């Protein structure tokens, strides 16, 4: 994702997964707007994106940047009856790198400190 070339950059790397999740949750949007750019001085490809999927009564905002000094929520979902806010990185990537296999009921479960919070 850091090298110049077709399919490189933050939008193709992480953004494609976020867009896929949003489409599964909300369906096809009426329109899409996006800002995609390189923020770091020596970046060879995009390292920032802000994509907005526009629906009749809502907007879905997908956002990523490489020069963020502190981690914020990974997910924020707000609706008329409440909000869901989730911190922490998905532990499955580290588990796979460590040689673990996706087996058993506990696979993919978050550590308690990364549980999401629902406010209604």
PDB file of N, CA and C in Angstrom:
ATOM      1  N   UNK A   1       0.806  -1.204   0.000  1.00  0.00           N
ATOM      2  CA  UNK A   1       0.000   0.000   0.000  1.00  0.00           C
ATOM      3  C   UNK A   1       0.844   1.261   0.000  1.00  0.00           C
ATOM      4  N   UNK A   2       2.106   1.165   0.356  1.00  0.00           N
ATOM      5  CA  UNK A   2       2.969   2.339   0.456  1.00  0.00           C
ATOM      6  C   UNK A   2       3.700   2.668  -0.843  1.00  0.00           C
ATOM      7  N   UNK A   3       3.724   1.736  -1.768  1.00  0.00           N
ATOM      8  CA  UNK A   3       4.456   1.897  -3.020  1.00  0.00           C
ATOM      9  C   UNK A   3       3.525   2.390  -4.123  1.00  0.00           C
ATOM     10  N   UNK A   4       4.068   3.182  -5.038  1.00  0.00           N
ATOM     11  CA  UNK A   4       3.298   3.644  -6.197  1.00  0.00           C
ATOM     12  C   UNK A   4       2.907   2.462  -7.074  1.00  0.00           C
ATOM     13  N   UNK A   5       1.726   2.524  -7.667  1.00  0.00           N
ATOM     14  CA  UNK A   5       1.315   1.479  -8.599  1.00  0.00           C
ATOM     15  C   UNK A   5      -0.175   1.229  -8.533  1.00  0.00           C
ATOM     16  N   UNK A   6      -0.676   0.502  -9.520  1.00  0.00           N
ATOM     17  CA  UNK A   6      -2.114   0.194  -9.549  1.00  0.00           C
ATOM     18  C   UNK A   6      -2.541  -0.558  -8.288  1.00  0.00           C
ATOM     19  N   UNK A   7      -3.631  -0.135  -7.705  1.00  0.00           N
ATOM     20  CA  UNK A   7      -4.161  -0.811  -6.531  1.00  0.00           C
ATOM     21  C   UNK A   7      -3.433  -0.496  -5.235  1.00  0.00           C
ATOM     22  N   UNK A   8      -2.576   0.512  -5.237  1.00  0.00           N
ATOM     23  CA  UNK A   8      -1.854   0.849  -4.010  1.00  0.00           C
ATOM     24  C   UNK A   8      -2.569   1.987  -3.275  1.00  0.00           C
ATOM     25  N   UNK A   9      -2.095   2.289  -2.098  1.00  0.00           N
ATOM     26  CA  UNK A   9      -2.639   3.399  -1.331  1.00  0.00           C
ATOM     27  C   UNK A   9      -3.668   2.960  -0.313  1.00  0.00           C
ATOM     28  N   UNK A  10      -3.973   3.864   0.589  1.00  0.00           N
ATOM     29  CA  UNK A  10      -4.881   3.582   1.706  1.00  0.00           C
ATOM     30  C   UNK A  10      -6.291   3.255   1.242  1.00  0.00           C
ATOM     31  N   UNK A  11      -6.768   3.939   0.213  1.00  0.00           N
ATOM     32  CA  UNK A  11      -8.140   3.689  -0.233  1.00  0.00           C
ATOM     33  C   UNK A  11      -8.297   2.271  -0.776  1.00  0.00           C
ATOM     34  N   UNK A  12      -7.368   1.822  -1.593  1.00  0.00           N
ATOM     35  CA  UNK A  12      -7.461   0.458  -2.123  1.00  0.00           C
ATOM     36  C   UNK A  12      -7.182  -0.582  -1.043  1.00  0.00           C
ATOM     37  N   UNK A  13      -6.288  -0.282  -0.105  1.00  0.00           N
ATOM     38  CA  UNK A  13      -5.911  -1.257   0.915  1.00  0.00           C
ATOM     39  C   UNK A  13      -6.995  -1.386   1.984  1.00  0.00           C
ATOM     40  N   UNK A  14      -7.158  -0.379   2.803  1.00  0.00           N
ATOM     41  CA  UNK A  14      -8.141  -0.411   3.884  1.00  0.00           C
ATOM     42  C   UNK A  14      -9.526   0.004   3.403  1.00  0.00           C
ATOM     43  N   UNK A  15      -9.575   1.022   2.553  1.00  0.00           N
ATOM     44  CA  UNK A  15     -10.851   1.561   2.109  1.00  0.00           C
ATOM     45  C   UNK A  15     -11.749   0.538   1.449  1.00  0.00           C
ATOM     46  N   UNK A  16     -11.167  -0.362   0.677  1.00  0.00           N
ATOM     47  CA  UNK A  16     -11.988  -1.370  -0.012  1.00  0.00           C
ATOM     48  C   UNK A  16     -12.749  -2.234   0.992  1.00  0.00           C
ATOM     49  N   UNK A  17     -12.122  -2.560   2.129  1.00  0.00           N
ATOM     50  CA  UNK A  17     -12.794  -3.362   3.156  1.00  0.00           C
ATOM     51  C   UNK A  17     -13.892  -2.558   3.848  1.00  0.00           C
ATOM     52  N   UNK A  18     -13.619  -1.288   4.126  1.00  0.00           N
ATOM     53  CA  UNK A  18     -14.627  -0.450   4.775  1.00  0.00           C
ATOM     54  C   UNK A  18     -15.831  -0.235   3.869  1.00  0.00           C
ATOM     55  N   UNK A  19     -15.571   0.006   2.596  1.00  0.00           N
ATOM     56  CA  UNK A  19     -16.661   0.185   1.630  1.00  0.00           C
ATOM     57  C   UNK A  19     -17.486  -1.093   1.533  1.00  0.00           C
ATOM     58  N   UNK A  20     -16.814  -2.234   1.481  1.00  0.00           N
ATOM     59  CA  UNK A  20     -17.511  -3.520   1.422  1.00  0.00           C
ATOM     60  C   UNK A  20     -18.421  -3.703   2.636  1.00  0.00           C
ATOM     61  N   UNK A  21     -17.916  -3.400   3.831  1.00  0.00           N
ATOM     62  CA  UNK A  21     -18.730  -3.520   5.041  1.00  0.00           C
ATOM     63  C   UNK A  21     -19.933  -2.578   4.988  1.00  0.00           C
ATOM     64  N   UNK A  22     -19.709  -1.344   4.567  1.00  0.00           N
ATOM     65  CA  UNK A  22     -20.803  -0.370   4.495  1.00  0.00           C
ATOM     66  C   UNK A  22     -21.873  -0.811   3.503  1.00  0.00           C
ATOM     67  N   UNK A  23     -21.466  -1.338   2.355  1.00  0.00           N
ATOM     68  CA  UNK A  23     -22.441  -1.798   1.359  1.00  0.00           C
ATOM     69  C   UNK A  23     -23.263  -2.965   1.895  1.00  0.00           C
ATOM     70  N   UNK A  24     -22.624  -3.857   2.643  1.00  0.00           N
ATOM     71  CA  UNK A  24     -23.364  -4.973   3.237  1.00  0.00           C
ATOM     72  C   UNK A  24     -24.350  -4.485   4.298  1.00  0.00           C
ATOM     73  N   UNK A  25     -23.968  -3.473   5.048  1.00  0.00           N
ATOM     74  CA  UNK A  25     -24.845  -2.966   6.117  1.00  0.00           C
ATOM     75  C   UNK A  25     -25.963  -2.070   5.595  1.00  0.00           C
ATOM     76  N   UNK A  26     -25.657  -1.214   4.604  1.00  0.00           N
ATOM     77  CA  UNK A  26     -26.596  -0.166   4.208  1.00  0.00           C
ATOM     78  C   UNK A  26     -27.072  -0.256   2.763  1.00  0.00           C
ATOM     79  N   UNK A  27     -26.493  -1.127   1.956  1.00  0.00           N
ATOM     80  CA  UNK A  27     -26.881  -1.235   0.558  1.00  0.00           C
ATOM     81  C   UNK A  27     -26.190  -0.183  -0.303  1.00  0.00           C
ATOM     82  N   UNK A  28     -26.613  -0.126  -1.558  1.00  0.00           N
ATOM     83  CA  UNK A  28     -26.013   0.822  -2.502  1.00  0.00           C
ATOM     84  C   UNK A  28     -26.457   2.248  -2.181  1.00  0.00           C
ATOM     85  N   UNK A  29     -25.514   3.172  -2.125  1.00  0.00           N
ATOM     86  CA  UNK A  29     -25.866   4.566  -1.851  1.00  0.00           C
ATOM     87  C   UNK A  29     -26.429   5.242  -3.092  1.00  0.00           C
ATOM     88  N   UNK A  30     -27.070   6.386  -2.880  1.00  0.00           N
ATOM     89  CA  UNK A  30     -27.561   7.188  -3.999  1.00  0.00           C
ATOM     90  C   UNK A  30     -26.413   7.892  -4.715  1.00  0.00           C
ATOM     91  N   UNK A  31     -25.411   8.297  -3.946  1.00  0.00           N
ATOM     92  CA  UNK A  31     -24.230   8.946  -4.516  1.00  0.00           C
ATOM     93  C   UNK A  31     -23.069   8.805  -3.552  1.00  0.00           C
ATOM     94  N   UNK A  32     -21.865   9.096  -4.043  1.00  0.00           N
ATOM     95  CA  UNK A  32     -20.637   8.995  -3.254  1.00  0.00           C
ATOM     96  C   UNK A  32     -19.787  10.226  -3.520  1.00  0.00           C
ATOM     97  N   UNK A  33     -19.234  10.797  -2.457  1.00  0.00           N
ATOM     98  CA  UNK A  33     -18.227  11.838  -2.611  1.00  0.00           C
ATOM     99  C   UNK A  33     -16.999  11.398  -1.826  1.00  0.00           C
ATOM    100  N   UNK A  34     -15.829  11.846  -2.270  1.00  0.00           N
ATOM    101  CA  UNK A  34     -14.601  11.407  -1.600  1.00  0.00           C
ATOM    102  C   UNK A  34     -13.490  12.423  -1.759  1.00  0.00           C
ATOM    103  N   UNK A  35     -12.651  12.456  -0.767  1.00  0.00           N
ATOM    104  CA  UNK A  35     -11.378  13.170  -0.843  1.00  0.00           C
ATOM    105  C   UNK A  35     -10.310  12.114  -0.586  1.00  0.00           C
ATOM    106  N   UNK A  36      -9.366  11.992  -1.511  1.00  0.00           N
ATOM    107  CA  UNK A  36      -8.279  11.027  -1.400  1.00  0.00           C
ATOM    108  C   UNK A  36      -6.997  11.778  -1.698  1.00  0.00           C
ATOM    109  N   UNK A  37      -6.033  11.726  -0.770  1.00  0.00           N
ATOM    110  CA  UNK A  37      -4.817  12.508  -0.958  1.00  0.00           C
ATOM    111  C   UNK A  37      -3.648  11.882  -0.203  1.00  0.00           C
ATOM    112  N   UNK A  38      -2.474  12.375  -0.488  1.00  0.00           N
ATOM    113  CA  UNK A  38      -1.268  12.019   0.264  1.00  0.00           C
ATOM    114  C   UNK A  38      -0.972  13.166   1.222  1.00  0.00           C
ATOM    115  N   UNK A  39      -0.964  12.891   2.501  1.00  0.00           N
ATOM    116  CA  UNK A  39      -0.706  13.925   3.500  1.00  0.00           C
ATOM    117  C   UNK A  39       0.768  13.973   3.911  1.00  0.00           C
ATOM    118  N   UNK A  40       1.433  12.830   3.938  1.00  0.00           N
ATOM    119  CA  UNK A  40       2.829  12.814   4.370  1.00  0.00           C
ATOM    120  C   UNK A  40       3.719  13.398   3.272  1.00  0.00           C
ATOM    121  N   UNK A  41       4.745  14.107   3.673  1.00  0.00           N
ATOM    122  CA  UNK A  41       5.617  14.824   2.731  1.00  0.00           C
ATOM    123  C   UNK A  41       6.226  13.920   1.674  1.00  0.00           C
ATOM    124  N   UNK A  42       6.661  12.728   2.021  1.00  0.00           N
ATOM    125  CA  UNK A  42       7.339  11.843   1.063  1.00  0.00           C
ATOM    126  C   UNK A  42       6.478  10.667   0.618  1.00  0.00           C
ATOM    127  N   UNK A  43       5.172  10.774   0.792  1.00  0.00           N
ATOM    128  CA  UNK A  43       4.288   9.668   0.421  1.00  0.00           C
ATOM    129  C   UNK A  43       4.335   9.434  -1.084  1.00  0.00           C
ATOM    130  N   UNK A  44       4.378   8.165  -1.465  1.00  0.00           N
ATOM    131  CA  UNK A  44       4.376   7.794  -2.884  1.00  0.00           C
ATOM    132  C   UNK A  44       2.970   7.513  -3.390  1.00  0.00           C
ATOM    133  N   UNK A  45       2.024   7.389  -2.475  1.00  0.00           N
ATOM    134  CA  UNK A  45       0.644   7.107  -2.847  1.00  0.00           C
ATOM    135  C   UNK A  45      -0.276   7.702  -1.778  1.00  0.00           C
ATOM    136  N   UNK A  46      -1.576   7.615  -1.969  1.00  0.00           N
ATOM    137  CA  UNK A  46      -2.493   8.218  -1.006  1.00  0.00           C
ATOM    138  C   UNK A  46      -2.384   7.539   0.357  1.00  0.00           C
ATOM    139  N   UNK A  47      -2.434   8.360   1.394  1.00  0.00           N
ATOM    140  CA  UNK A  47      -2.405   7.845   2.762  1.00  0.00           C
ATOM    141  C   UNK A  47      -3.553   8.409   3.590  1.00  0.00           C
ATOM    142  N   UNK A  48      -4.509   9.047   2.933  1.00  0.00           N
ATOM    143  CA  UNK A  48      -5.660   9.650   3.595  1.00  0.00           C
ATOM    144  C   UNK A  48      -6.870   9.529   2.683  1.00  0.00           C
ATOM    145  N   UNK A  49      -8.007   9.179   3.274  1.00  0.00           N
ATOM    146  CA  UNK A  49      -9.264   9.257   2.516  1.00  0.00           C
ATOM    147  C   UNK A  49     -10.413   9.602   3.440  1.00  0.00           C
ATOM    148  N   UNK A  50     -11.390  10.278   2.860  1.00  0.00           N
ATOM    149  CA  UNK A  50     -12.640  10.633   3.521  1.00  0.00           C
ATOM    150  C   UNK A  50     -13.728  10.384   2.482  1.00  0.00           C
ATOM    151  N   UNK A  51     -14.454   9.297   2.639  1.00  0.00           N
ATOM    152  CA  UNK A  51     -15.477   8.883   1.678  1.00  0.00           C
ATOM    153  C   UNK A  51     -16.841   9.012   2.346  1.00  0.00           C
ATOM    154  N   UNK A  52     -17.781   9.624   1.660  1.00  0.00           N
ATOM    155  CA  UNK A  52     -19.142   9.761   2.186  1.00  0.00           C
ATOM    156  C   UNK A  52     -20.094   9.057   1.223  1.00  0.00           C
ATOM    157  N   UNK A  53     -20.817   8.083   1.766  1.00  0.00           N
ATOM    158  CA  UNK A  53     -21.863   7.397   1.014  1.00  0.00           C
ATOM    159  C   UNK A  53     -23.175   8.077   1.393  1.00  0.00           C
ATOM    160  N   UNK A  54     -23.872   8.593   0.399  1.00  0.00           N
ATOM    161  CA  UNK A  54     -25.097   9.361   0.633  1.00  0.00           C
ATOM    162  C   UNK A  54     -26.326   8.493   0.377  1.00  0.00           C
ATOM    163  N   UNK A  55     -27.203   8.428   1.385  1.00  0.00           N
ATOM    164  CA  UNK A  55     -28.463   7.698   1.307  1.00  0.00           C
ATOM    165  C   UNK A  55     -29.598   8.695   1.518  1.00  0.00           C
ATOM    166  N   UNK A  56     -30.832   8.254   1.380  1.00  0.00           N
ATOM    167  CA  UNK A  56     -31.975   9.164   1.523  1.00  0.00           C
ATOM    168  C   UNK A  56     -31.953   9.916   2.851  1.00  0.00           C
ATOM    169  N   UNK A  57     -31.898   9.200   3.949  1.00  0.00           N
ATOM    170  CA  UNK A  57     -32.003   9.818   5.271  1.00  0.00           C
ATOM    171  C   UNK A  57     -30.719   9.723   6.091  1.00  0.00           C
ATOM    172  N   UNK A  58     -29.599   9.306   5.495  1.00  0.00           N
ATOM    173  CA  UNK A  58     -28.369   9.150   6.269  1.00  0.00           C
ATOM    174  C   UNK A  58     -27.151   9.340   5.390  1.00  0.00           C
ATOM    175  N   UNK A  59     -26.035   9.503   6.059  1.00  0.00           N
ATOM    176  CA  UNK A  59     -24.738   9.493   5.402  1.00  0.00           C
ATOM    177  C   UNK A  59     -23.873   8.482   6.137  1.00  0.00           C
ATOM    178  N   UNK A  60     -23.062   7.761   5.400  1.00  0.00           N
ATOM    179  CA  UNK A  60     -22.092   6.841   5.977  1.00  0.00           C
ATOM    180  C   UNK A  60     -20.721   7.404   5.653  1.00  0.00           C
ATOM    181  N   UNK A  61     -19.933   7.679   6.694  1.00  0.00           N
ATOM    182  CA  UNK A  61     -18.629   8.317   6.518  1.00  0.00           C
ATOM    183  C   UNK A  61     -17.542   7.296   6.814  1.00  0.00           C
ATOM    184  N   UNK A  62     -16.655   7.110   5.855  1.00  0.00           N
ATOM    185  CA  UNK A  62     -15.522   6.192   5.975  1.00  0.00           C
ATOM    186  C   UNK A  62     -14.263   7.050   5.901  1.00  0.00           C
ATOM    187  N   UNK A  63     -13.398   6.901   6.882  1.00  0.00           N
ATOM    188  CA  UNK A  63     -12.312   7.867   7.027  1.00  0.00           C
ATOM    189  C   UNK A  63     -11.056   7.161   7.525  1.00  0.00           C
ATOM    190  N   UNK A  64      -9.908   7.513   6.950  1.00  0.00           N
ATOM    191  CA  UNK A  64      -8.635   6.960   7.411  1.00  0.00           C
ATOM    192  C   UNK A  64      -7.524   7.948   7.109  1.00  0.00           C
ATOM    193  N   UNK A  65      -6.567   8.044   8.016  1.00  0.00           N
ATOM    194  CA  UNK A  65      -5.407   8.909   7.817  1.00  0.00           C
ATOM    195  C   UNK A  65      -4.173   8.304   8.454  1.00  0.00           C
ATOM    196  N   UNK A  66      -3.011   8.587   7.885  1.00  0.00           N
ATOM    197  CA  UNK A  66      -1.759   8.020   8.382  1.00  0.00           C
ATOM    198  C   UNK A  66      -1.036   8.903   9.382  1.00  0.00           C
ATOM    199  N   UNK A  67      -1.406  10.159   9.484  1.00  0.00           N
ATOM    200  CA  UNK A  67      -0.682  11.045  10.395  1.00  0.00           C
ATOM    201  C   UNK A  67      -1.553  11.444  11.585  1.00  0.00           C
ATOM    202  N   UNK A  68      -2.290  10.496  12.094  1.00  0.00           N
ATOM    203  CA  UNK A  68      -3.156  10.724  13.241  1.00  0.00           C
ATOM    204  C   UNK A  68      -2.330  10.480  14.509  1.00  0.00           C
ATOM    205  N   UNK A  69      -2.198  11.477  15.384  1.00  0.00           N
ATOM    206  CA  UNK A  69      -1.309  11.327  16.540  1.00  0.00           C
ATOM    207  C   UNK A  69      -1.827  10.389  17.628  1.00  0.00           C
ATOM    208  N   UNK A  70      -3.129  10.158  17.696  1.00  0.00           N
ATOM    209  CA  UNK A  70      -3.689   9.271  18.712  1.00  0.00           C
ATOM    210  C   UNK A  70      -4.860   8.509  18.124  1.00  0.00           C
ATOM    211  N   UNK A  71      -5.022   7.276  18.562  1.00  0.00           N
ATOM    212  CA  UNK A  71      -6.133   6.466  18.074  1.00  0.00           C
ATOM    213  C   UNK A  71      -7.452   6.964  18.641  1.00  0.00           C
ATOM    214  N   UNK A  72      -8.446   7.022  17.790  1.00  0.00           N
ATOM    215  CA  UNK A  72      -9.807   7.343  18.207  1.00  0.00           C
ATOM    216  C   UNK A  72     -10.655   6.102  18.038  1.00  0.00           C
ATOM    217  N   UNK A  73     -11.965   6.255  18.077  1.00  0.00           N
ATOM    218  CA  UNK A  73     -12.837   5.101  17.864  1.00  0.00           C
ATOM    219  C   UNK A  73     -12.629   4.500  16.476  1.00  0.00           C
ATOM    220  N   UNK A  74     -12.736   3.190  16.392  1.00  0.00           N
ATOM    221  CA  UNK A  74     -12.662   2.496  15.096  1.00  0.00           C
ATOM    222  C   UNK A  74     -14.001   2.593  14.380  1.00  0.00           C
ATOM    223  N   UNK A  75     -15.066   2.548  15.153  1.00  0.00           N
ATOM    224  CA  UNK A  75     -16.403   2.654  14.582  1.00  0.00           C
ATOM    225  C   UNK A  75     -17.222   3.604  15.443  1.00  0.00           C
ATOM    226  N   UNK A  76     -17.996   4.437  14.788  1.00  0.00           N
ATOM    227  CA  UNK A  76     -19.003   5.255  15.447  1.00  0.00           C
ATOM    228  C   UNK A  76     -20.261   5.151  14.595  1.00  0.00           C
ATOM    229  N   UNK A  77     -21.301   4.630  15.191  1.00  0.00           N
ATOM    230  CA  UNK A  77     -22.560   4.478  14.475  1.00  0.00           C
ATOM    231  C   UNK A  77     -23.617   5.212  15.284  1.00  0.00           C
ATOM    232  N   UNK A  78     -24.230   6.213  14.679  1.00  0.00           N
ATOM    233  CA  UNK A  78     -25.205   7.046  15.366  1.00  0.00           C
ATOM    234  C   UNK A  78     -26.550   6.970  14.650  1.00  0.00           C
ATOM    235  N   UNK A  79     -27.605   6.797  15.420  1.00  0.00           N
ATOM    236  CA  UNK A  79     -28.950   6.759  14.869  1.00  0.00           C
ATOM    237  C   UNK A  79     -29.912   7.487  15.777  1.00  0.00           C
ATOM    238  N   UNK A  80     -31.166   7.477  15.400  1.00  0.00           N
ATOM    239  CA  UNK A  80     -32.168   8.225  16.162  1.00  0.00           C
ATOM    240  C   UNK A  80     -32.442   7.617  17.536  1.00  0.00           C
ATOM    241  N   UNK A  81     -32.064   6.353  17.757  1.00  0.00           N
ATOM    242  CA  UNK A  81     -32.348   5.707  19.038  1.00  0.00           C
ATOM    243  C   UNK A  81     -31.099   5.378  19.842  1.00  0.00           C
ATOM    244  N   UNK A  82     -29.924   5.777  19.342  1.00  0.00           N
ATOM    245  CA  UNK A  82     -28.723   5.504  20.108  1.00  0.00           C
ATOM    246  C   UNK A  82     -27.462   5.576  19.270  1.00  0.00           C
ATOM    247  N   UNK A  83     -26.362   5.273  19.926  1.00  0.00           N
ATOM    248  CA  UNK A  83     -25.049   5.269  19.280  1.00  0.00           C
ATOM    249  C   UNK A  83     -24.269   4.043  19.725  1.00  0.00           C
ATOM    250  N   UNK A  84     -23.420   3.547  18.830  1.00  0.00           N
ATOM    251  CA  UNK A  84     -22.497   2.459  19.147  1.00  0.00           C
ATOM    252  C   UNK A  84     -21.102   2.967  18.832  1.00  0.00           C
ATOM    253  N   UNK A  85     -20.209   2.895  19.826  1.00  0.00           N
ATOM    254  CA  UNK A  85     -18.835   3.358  19.642  1.00  0.00           C
ATOM    255  C   UNK A  85     -17.905   2.216  20.015  1.00  0.00           C
ATOM    256  N   UNK A  86     -16.949   1.957  19.125  1.00  0.00           N
ATOM    257  CA  UNK A  86     -16.048   0.814  19.271  1.00  0.00           C
ATOM    258  C   UNK A  86     -14.614   1.273  19.119  1.00  0.00           C
ATOM    259  N   UNK A  87     -13.767   0.937  20.089  1.00  0.00           N
ATOM    260  CA  UNK A  87     -12.342   1.215  20.047  1.00  0.00           C
ATOM    261  C   UNK A  87     -11.596  -0.083  19.774  1.00  0.00           C
ATOM    262  N   UNK A  88     -10.330   0.034  19.423  1.00  0.00           N
ATOM    263  CA  UNK A  88      -9.454  -1.126  19.314  1.00  0.00           C
ATOM    264  C   UNK A  88      -9.389  -1.720  17.933  1.00  0.00           C
ATOM    265  N   UNK A  89      -8.261  -2.345  17.680  1.00  0.00           N
ATOM    266  CA  UNK A  89      -7.999  -3.003  16.396  1.00  0.00           C
ATOM    267  C   UNK A  89      -8.494  -4.440  16.467  1.00  0.00           C
ATOM    268  N   UNK A  90      -8.988  -4.947  15.371  1.00  0.00           N
ATOM    269  CA  UNK A  90      -9.425  -6.331  15.267  1.00  0.00           C
ATOM    270  C   UNK A  90      -8.239  -7.249  15.574  1.00  0.00           C
ATOM    271  N   UNK A  91      -8.370  -8.089  16.583  1.00  0.00           N
ATOM    272  CA  UNK A  91      -7.285  -8.972  17.004  1.00  0.00           C
ATOM    273  C   UNK A  91      -7.036 -10.153  16.082  1.00  0.00           C
ATOM    274  N   UNK A  92      -7.888 -10.363  15.078  1.00  0.00           N
ATOM    275  CA  UNK A  92      -7.711 -11.524  14.205  1.00  0.00           C
ATOM    276  C   UNK A  92      -6.424 -11.455  13.395  1.00  0.00           C
ATOM    277  N   UNK A  93      -6.023 -10.255  12.967  1.00  0.00           N
ATOM    278  CA  UNK A  93      -4.802 -10.137  12.164  1.00  0.00           C
ATOM    279  C   UNK A  93      -3.581 -10.597  12.945  1.00  0.00           C
ATOM    280  N   UNK A  94      -3.427 -10.101  14.176  1.00  0.00           N
ATOM    281  CA  UNK A  94      -2.294 -10.509  15.010  1.00  0.00           C
ATOM    282  C   UNK A  94      -2.351 -12.004  15.315  1.00  0.00           C
ATOM    283  N   UNK A  95      -3.552 -12.526  15.555  1.00  0.00           N
ATOM    284  CA  UNK A  95      -3.692 -13.951  15.844  1.00  0.00           C
ATOM    285  C   UNK A  95      -3.257 -14.796  14.638  1.00  0.00           C
ATOM    286  N   UNK A  96      -3.646 -14.387  13.443  1.00  0.00           N
ATOM    287  CA  UNK A  96      -3.234 -15.126  12.242  1.00  0.00           C
ATOM    288  C   UNK A  96      -1.728 -15.057  12.044  1.00  0.00           C
ATOM    289  N   UNK A  97      -1.140 -13.872  12.266  1.00  0.00           N
ATOM    290  CA  UNK A  97       0.319 -13.731  12.147  1.00  0.00           C
ATOM    291  C   UNK A  97       1.048 -14.624  13.145  1.00  0.00           C
ATOM    292  N   UNK A  98       0.444 -14.844  14.307  1.00  0.00           N
ATOM    293  CA  UNK A  98       1.044 -15.676  15.349  1.00  0.00           C
ATOM    294  C   UNK A  98       0.820 -17.165  15.087  1.00  0.00           C
ATOM    295  N   UNK A  99       0.173 -17.487  13.969  1.00  0.00           N
ATOM    296  CA  UNK A  99      -0.017 -18.883  13.601  1.00  0.00           C
ATOM    297  C   UNK A  99      -1.303 -19.512  14.100  1.00  0.00           C
ATOM    298  N   UNK A 100      -2.155 -18.733  14.755  1.00  0.00           N
ATOM    299  CA  UNK A 100      -3.431 -19.279  15.217  1.00  0.00           C
ATOM    300  C   UNK A 100      -4.372 -19.475  14.045  1.00  0.00           C
ATOM    301  N   UNK A 101      -5.283 -20.403  14.198  1.00  0.00           N
ATOM    302  CA  UNK A 101      -6.243 -20.708  13.146  1.00  0.00           C
ATOM    303  C   UNK A 101      -7.649 -20.288  13.600  1.00  0.00           C
ATOM    304  N   UNK A 102      -8.503 -19.909  12.637  1.00  0.00           N
ATOM    305  CA  UNK A 102      -9.876 -19.490  12.997  1.00  0.00           C
ATOM    306  C   UNK A 102     -10.741 -20.683  13.377  1.00  0.00           C
ATOM    307  N   UNK A 103     -10.530 -21.163  14.609  1.00  0.00           N
ATOM    308  CA  UNK A 103     -11.260 -22.325  15.103  1.00  0.00           C
ATOM    309  C   UNK A 103     -11.829 -22.024  16.480  1.00  0.00           C
ATOM    310  N   UNK A 104     -12.922 -22.646  16.804  1.00  0.00           N
ATOM    311  CA  UNK A 104     -13.499 -22.540  18.144  1.00  0.00           C
ATOM    312  C   UNK A 104     -14.400 -21.337  18.316  1.00  0.00           C
ATOM    313  N   UNK A 105     -15.150 -21.366  19.405  1.00  0.00           N
ATOM    314  CA  UNK A 105     -16.132 -20.324  19.690  1.00  0.00           C
ATOM    315  C   UNK A 105     -15.493 -18.987  20.048  1.00  0.00           C
ATOM    316  N   UNK A 106     -14.266 -19.003  20.521  1.00  0.00           N
ATOM    317  CA  UNK A 106     -13.603 -17.774  20.963  1.00  0.00           C
ATOM    318  C   UNK A 106     -12.895 -17.034  19.830  1.00  0.00           C
ATOM    319  N   UNK A 107     -12.788 -17.645  18.653  1.00  0.00           N
ATOM    320  CA  UNK A 107     -12.071 -17.007  17.549  1.00  0.00           C
ATOM    321  C   UNK A 107     -12.746 -15.683  17.178  1.00  0.00           C
ATOM    322  N   UNK A 108     -11.953 -14.646  17.087  1.00  0.00           N
ATOM    323  CA  UNK A 108     -12.460 -13.343  16.681  1.00  0.00           C
ATOM    324  C   UNK A 108     -13.078 -12.530  17.799  1.00  0.00           C
ATOM    325  N   UNK A 109     -13.159 -13.113  19.003  1.00  0.00           N
ATOM    326  CA  UNK A 109     -13.747 -12.385  20.136  1.00  0.00           C
ATOM    327  C   UNK A 109     -12.804 -11.278  20.587  1.00  0.00           C
ATOM    328  N   UNK A 110     -13.357 -10.133  20.911  1.00  0.00           N
ATOM    329  CA  UNK A 110     -12.569  -9.001  21.392  1.00  0.00           C
ATOM    330  C   UNK A 110     -12.120  -9.212  22.825  1.00  0.00           C
ATOM    331  N   UNK A 111     -11.008  -8.569  23.166  1.00  0.00           N
ATOM    332  CA  UNK A 111     -10.602  -8.462  24.563  1.00  0.00           C
ATOM    333  C   UNK A 111     -11.590  -7.496  25.237  1.00  0.00           C
ATOM    334  N   UNK A 112     -11.877  -7.686  26.509  1.00  0.00           N
ATOM    335  CA  UNK A 112     -12.867  -6.822  27.186  1.00  0.00           C
ATOM    336  C   UNK A 112     -12.572  -5.324  27.058  1.00  0.00           C
ATOM    337  N   UNK A 113     -11.306  -4.942  27.047  1.00  0.00           N
ATOM    338  CA  UNK A 113     -10.997  -3.511  26.951  1.00  0.00           C
ATOM    339  C   UNK A 113     -11.373  -2.911  25.586  1.00  0.00           C
ATOM    340  N   UNK A 114     -11.653  -3.772  24.604  1.00  0.00           N
ATOM    341  CA  UNK A 114     -12.038  -3.298  23.272  1.00  0.00           C
ATOM    342  C   UNK A 114     -13.519  -3.501  22.968  1.00  0.00           C
ATOM    343  N   UNK A 115     -14.290  -3.903  23.951  1.00  0.00           N
ATOM    344  CA  UNK A 115     -15.729  -4.063  23.724  1.00  0.00           C
ATOM    345  C   UNK A 115     -16.325  -2.719  23.291  1.00  0.00           C
ATOM    346  N   UNK A 116     -17.300  -2.785  22.422  1.00  0.00           N
ATOM    347  CA  UNK A 116     -18.003  -1.589  22.023  1.00  0.00           C
ATOM    348  C   UNK A 116     -18.970  -1.136  23.110  1.00  0.00           C
ATOM    349  N   UNK A 117     -19.395   0.121  23.002  1.00  0.00           N
ATOM    350  CA  UNK A 117     -20.333   0.660  23.988  1.00  0.00           C
ATOM    351  C   UNK A 117     -21.580   1.159  23.257  1.00  0.00           C
ATOM    352  N   UNK A 118     -22.720   0.691  23.707  1.00  0.00           N
ATOM    353  CA  UNK A 118     -23.999   1.092  23.146  1.00  0.00           C
ATOM    354  C   UNK A 118     -24.669   2.071  24.099  1.00  0.00           C
ATOM    355  N   UNK A 119     -25.008   3.236  23.591  1.00  0.00           N
ATOM    356  CA  UNK A 119     -25.722   4.246  24.383  1.00  0.00           C
ATOM    357  C   UNK A 119     -27.092   4.468  23.741  1.00  0.00           C
ATOM    358  N   UNK A 120     -28.143   4.260  24.535  1.00  0.00           N
ATOM    359  CA  UNK A 120     -29.503   4.440  24.011  1.00  0.00           C
ATOM    360  C   UNK A 120     -30.229   5.517  24.784  1.00  0.00           C
TER     361      UNK A 120
END
